[in-house]
Amino acid sequence: MFNYNEQTFVNLKFKMLDLFRTIKADKEIKTSAKNVIDVTLSNTLSQDRTKLDASVNVKEIYIMDIHLNTSEVPTKFLEALNKFINFQILFRLHFNYEIKYVIALKVLQEEKIKVLKTFESDWKKVAKQDMPITSKLENVYKLMVTNVAGYSFRQEETFEQYADRMSVIKNQKAYIEKLIKMRDAERQPNKKIELNDRVRQMKKDLQMLEN
């Protein structure tokens, strides 16, 4: 996603058995990770390593590379890592020379990490860009989330507010698709017009949510 400076390089490769013990992996988590070849902590973006200011929710950002032997996302395994590690994580999944990004919004509540919402990209060819010019680690993380989720943060929007808005957008899109199917199947002209009006209004509402 980004080109990171050499001060952030860690390149710490984990043994899977040690990792399972550390995160107290149960059978479901281990089964989820059946297609995982290896896990590496590639970069750590911290205040010391980047000279960027930390915040309550973004003290450090871990960049973790996970190589897979199938394209299936090890969801339960990633969830376990997210809950165990008290920092923000960008997972880079690798399969067949393509990459998929998985990233979660996490907030600190009563000294415990709470996962609000997780986003993942499609499988794509590897492409990198320069790090954004900013003074805050949180802004870097917000841009990472934006690149994966496809929607920018609004000015002063919190992680909780963003997660809620993304959920509403998802539900709105699903309902619009349902209405479109109903409209296209409807044979009575007056009901068809009514449904079409509702679709148009909901699309306008969706645009407001997306911006």
Protein backbone atom coordinates (compact mmCIF):
# COMPACT_ATOMS: atom_id res chain seq x y z
CA MET A 1 0.00 0.00 0.00
CA PHE A 2 2.73 2.44 1.06
CA ASN A 3 6.49 2.62 0.78
CA TYR A 4 7.80 2.52 4.34
CA ASN A 5 11.17 3.88 5.43
CA GLU A 6 13.86 1.48 6.57
CA GLN A 7 13.51 2.55 10.22
CA THR A 8 10.13 0.76 10.28
CA PHE A 9 11.46 -2.60 9.05
CA VAL A 10 11.15 -5.47 11.53
CA ASN A 11 10.91 -8.65 9.42
CA LEU A 12 9.98 -10.86 12.39
CA LYS A 13 8.74 -14.25 11.21
CA PHE A 14 6.59 -16.25 13.62
CA LYS A 15 6.45 -20.00 14.11
CA MET A 16 2.82 -21.00 13.77
CA LEU A 17 2.79 -23.25 16.84
CA ASP A 18 4.26 -20.47 18.96
CA LEU A 19 1.73 -18.02 17.55
CA PHE A 20 -1.17 -20.38 18.30
CA ARG A 21 0.01 -20.71 21.91
CA THR A 22 0.43 -16.96 22.28
CA ILE A 23 -3.08 -16.10 21.07
CA LYS A 24 -4.57 -19.15 22.83
CA ALA A 25 -5.96 -20.45 19.53
CA ASP A 26 -8.81 -22.94 19.78
CA LYS A 27 -9.74 -25.56 17.18
CA GLU A 28 -11.84 -23.11 15.15
CA ILE A 29 -8.98 -20.59 14.90
CA LYS A 30 -6.46 -23.29 13.97
CA THR A 31 -8.81 -24.64 11.30
CA SER A 32 -9.26 -21.11 9.94
CA ALA A 33 -5.48 -20.87 9.57
CA LYS A 34 -5.10 -24.17 7.72
CA ASN A 35 -4.10 -22.40 4.48
CA VAL A 36 -1.59 -20.08 6.17
CA ILE A 37 1.99 -20.71 5.07
CA ASP A 38 3.71 -18.11 7.23
CA VAL A 39 3.15 -14.92 9.21
CA THR A 40 5.66 -12.07 9.35
CA LEU A 41 5.62 -8.76 11.19
CA SER A 42 7.19 -6.75 8.38
CA ASN A 43 6.97 -3.17 9.65
CA THR A 44 6.13 -1.28 12.80
CA LEU A 45 4.99 2.31 12.44
CA SER A 46 5.50 3.97 15.82
CA GLN A 47 6.23 7.46 17.03
CA ASP A 48 9.92 6.61 17.52
CA ARG A 49 10.32 4.99 14.11
CA THR A 50 8.33 7.49 12.03
CA LYS A 51 8.55 10.76 14.03
CA LEU A 52 4.75 10.98 13.69
CA ASP A 53 2.58 11.77 16.70
CA ALA A 54 0.66 8.90 18.29
CA SER A 55 -2.93 9.15 19.52
CA VAL A 56 -5.11 7.25 21.99
CA ASN A 57 -6.35 4.78 19.36
CA VAL A 58 -3.27 4.73 17.11
CA LYS A 59 -0.12 4.32 19.16
CA GLU A 60 1.48 1.94 16.67
CA ILE A 61 0.57 0.34 13.35
CA TYR A 62 1.71 -3.19 12.57
CA ILE A 63 2.13 -4.28 8.96
CA MET A 64 1.75 -8.06 8.88
CA ASP A 65 2.39 -10.22 5.81
CA ILE A 66 0.55 -13.55 5.61
CA HIS A 67 1.27 -15.96 2.75
CA LEU A 68 -1.53 -18.37 1.84
CA ASN A 69 -1.75 -21.52 -0.28
CA THR A 70 -5.38 -20.79 -1.24
CA SER A 71 -7.32 -17.56 -1.74
CA GLU A 72 -9.59 -18.23 1.26
CA VAL A 73 -9.30 -15.51 3.91
CA PRO A 74 -8.44 -16.99 7.37
CA THR A 75 -11.07 -14.80 9.01
CA LYS A 76 -11.18 -16.34 12.50
CA PHE A 77 -7.37 -16.37 12.68
CA LEU A 78 -7.19 -12.67 11.75
CA GLU A 79 -9.92 -11.85 14.26
CA ALA A 80 -7.92 -13.58 16.99
CA LEU A 81 -4.78 -11.62 16.11
CA ASN A 82 -6.74 -8.36 16.09
CA LYS A 83 -8.19 -9.04 19.53
CA PHE A 84 -4.86 -10.10 21.01
CA ILE A 85 -2.66 -7.29 19.65
CA ASN A 86 -3.41 -3.92 21.23
CA PHE A 87 -2.32 -1.93 18.18
CA GLN A 88 -3.80 -1.24 14.76
CA ILE A 89 -2.88 -3.82 12.12
CA LEU A 90 -2.80 -3.82 8.35
CA PHE A 91 -2.81 -7.42 7.14
CA ARG A 92 -1.33 -8.06 3.69
CA LEU A 93 -2.51 -11.46 2.44
CA HIS A 94 -0.45 -12.93 -0.40
CA PHE A 95 -1.58 -15.58 -2.88
CA ASN A 96 -0.60 -16.24 -6.49
CA TYR A 97 1.35 -12.98 -6.87
CA GLU A 98 -1.70 -10.98 -5.76
CA ILE A 99 -2.44 -9.19 -2.53
CA LYS A 100 -5.54 -8.61 -0.41
CA TYR A 101 -5.62 -6.05 2.39
CA VAL A 102 -7.56 -6.65 5.59
CA ILE A 103 -7.83 -3.88 8.15
CA ALA A 104 -9.92 -3.26 11.25
CA LEU A 105 -10.95 -0.16 13.14
CA LYS A 106 -10.09 -0.67 16.79
CA VAL A 107 -10.60 1.68 19.73
CA LEU A 108 -9.26 1.64 23.26
CA GLN A 109 -12.01 1.34 25.84
CA GLU A 110 -11.18 0.97 29.54
CA GLU A 111 -7.64 -0.12 28.64
CA LYS A 112 -9.00 -2.86 26.37
CA ILE A 113 -9.08 -2.96 22.58
CA LYS A 114 -12.49 -3.19 20.93
CA VAL A 115 -12.78 -4.12 17.25
CA LEU A 116 -15.48 -1.96 15.64
CA LYS A 117 -15.49 -3.09 12.02
CA THR A 118 -13.24 -4.97 9.61
CA PHE A 119 -12.73 -4.19 5.93
CA GLU A 120 -11.05 -6.15 3.16
CA SER A 121 -10.07 -5.33 -0.39
CA ASP A 122 -10.39 -7.47 -3.49
CA TRP A 123 -7.41 -9.52 -4.63
CA LYS A 124 -5.21 -7.22 -6.71
CA LYS A 125 -1.73 -6.75 -8.11
CA VAL A 126 0.76 -5.21 -5.71
CA ALA A 127 0.92 -1.41 -6.07
CA LYS A 128 2.58 1.03 -3.69
CA GLN A 129 2.48 4.77 -3.13
CA ASP A 130 4.45 7.21 -1.01
CA MET A 131 3.45 7.70 2.60
CA PRO A 132 1.05 10.63 3.09
CA ILE A 133 2.53 13.88 4.32
CA THR A 134 1.12 14.30 7.82
CA SER A 135 2.19 14.77 11.41
CA LYS A 136 -0.05 12.06 12.88
CA LEU A 137 -0.02 8.26 12.82
CA GLU A 138 -3.82 8.30 13.02
CA ASN A 139 -4.03 10.11 9.68
CA VAL A 140 -1.85 7.42 8.11
CA TYR A 141 -4.14 4.72 9.49
CA LYS A 142 -7.27 6.53 8.34
CA LEU A 143 -5.86 6.63 4.80
CA MET A 144 -5.08 2.90 5.00
CA VAL A 145 -8.71 2.25 5.97
CA THR A 146 -9.91 4.54 3.18
CA ASN A 147 -7.85 2.65 0.60
CA VAL A 148 -9.37 -0.66 1.70
CA ALA A 149 -12.97 0.39 2.45
CA GLY A 150 -13.25 2.78 -0.49
CA TYR A 151 -14.66 5.70 1.53
CA SER A 152 -12.82 8.66 3.02
CA PHE A 153 -13.19 9.81 6.60
CA ARG A 154 -15.17 12.98 7.06
CA GLN A 155 -13.47 15.87 8.83
CA GLU A 156 -13.32 15.18 12.58
CA GLU A 157 -15.14 11.85 12.10
CA THR A 158 -14.26 9.37 14.83
CA PHE A 159 -13.56 5.67 14.29
CA GLU A 160 -16.93 4.83 15.85
CA GLN A 161 -18.79 7.28 13.60
CA TYR A 162 -17.02 6.00 10.50
CA ALA A 163 -17.79 2.37 11.37
CA ASP A 164 -21.47 3.22 11.92
CA ARG A 165 -21.66 5.12 8.62
CA MET A 166 -20.10 2.20 6.73
CA SER A 167 -22.71 -0.16 8.22
CA VAL A 168 -25.54 2.15 7.16
CA ILE A 169 -24.09 2.40 3.63
CA LYS A 170 -23.91 -1.38 3.36
CA ASN A 171 -27.51 -1.80 4.53
CA GLN A 172 -28.70 1.01 2.25
CA LYS A 173 -27.08 -0.59 -0.80
CA ALA A 174 -28.65 -3.96 0.01
CA TYR A 175 -32.10 -2.40 0.39
CA ILE A 176 -31.76 -0.49 -2.88
CA GLU A 177 -30.91 -3.72 -4.69
CA LYS A 178 -33.99 -5.34 -3.15
CA LEU A 179 -36.23 -2.44 -4.26
CA ILE A 180 -34.80 -2.55 -7.79
CA LYS A 181 -35.67 -6.25 -8.07
CA MET A 182 -39.18 -5.53 -6.78
CA ARG A 183 -39.58 -2.64 -9.26
CA ASP A 184 -38.37 -4.69 -12.21
CA ALA A 185 -40.74 -7.55 -11.33
CA GLU A 186 -43.75 -5.29 -10.72
CA ARG A 187 -46.37 -5.28 -13.51
CA GLN A 188 -48.74 -2.60 -12.24
CA PRO A 189 -47.58 0.77 -13.66
CA ASN A 190 -48.55 2.84 -10.61
CA LYS A 191 -46.70 0.55 -8.19
CA LYS A 192 -43.72 0.42 -10.55
CA ILE A 193 -43.56 4.23 -10.57
CA GLU A 194 -43.85 4.33 -6.78
CA LEU A 195 -41.00 1.86 -6.35
CA ASN A 196 -38.88 3.76 -8.87
CA ASP A 197 -39.39 6.99 -6.90
CA ARG A 198 -38.29 5.23 -3.72
CA VAL A 199 -35.17 3.90 -5.46
CA ARG A 200 -34.24 7.38 -6.70
CA GLN A 201 -34.72 8.92 -3.25
CA MET A 202 -32.69 6.20 -1.55
CA LYS A 203 -29.88 6.64 -4.07
CA LYS A 204 -29.80 10.36 -3.22
CA ASP A 205 -29.66 9.49 0.48
CA LEU A 206 -26.86 7.02 -0.25
CA GLN A 207 -24.82 9.68 -2.04
CA MET A 208 -25.07 11.90 1.02
CA LEU A 209 -23.85 9.06 3.22
CA GLU A 210 -20.95 8.30 0.89
CA ASN A 211 -19.64 11.88 0.80
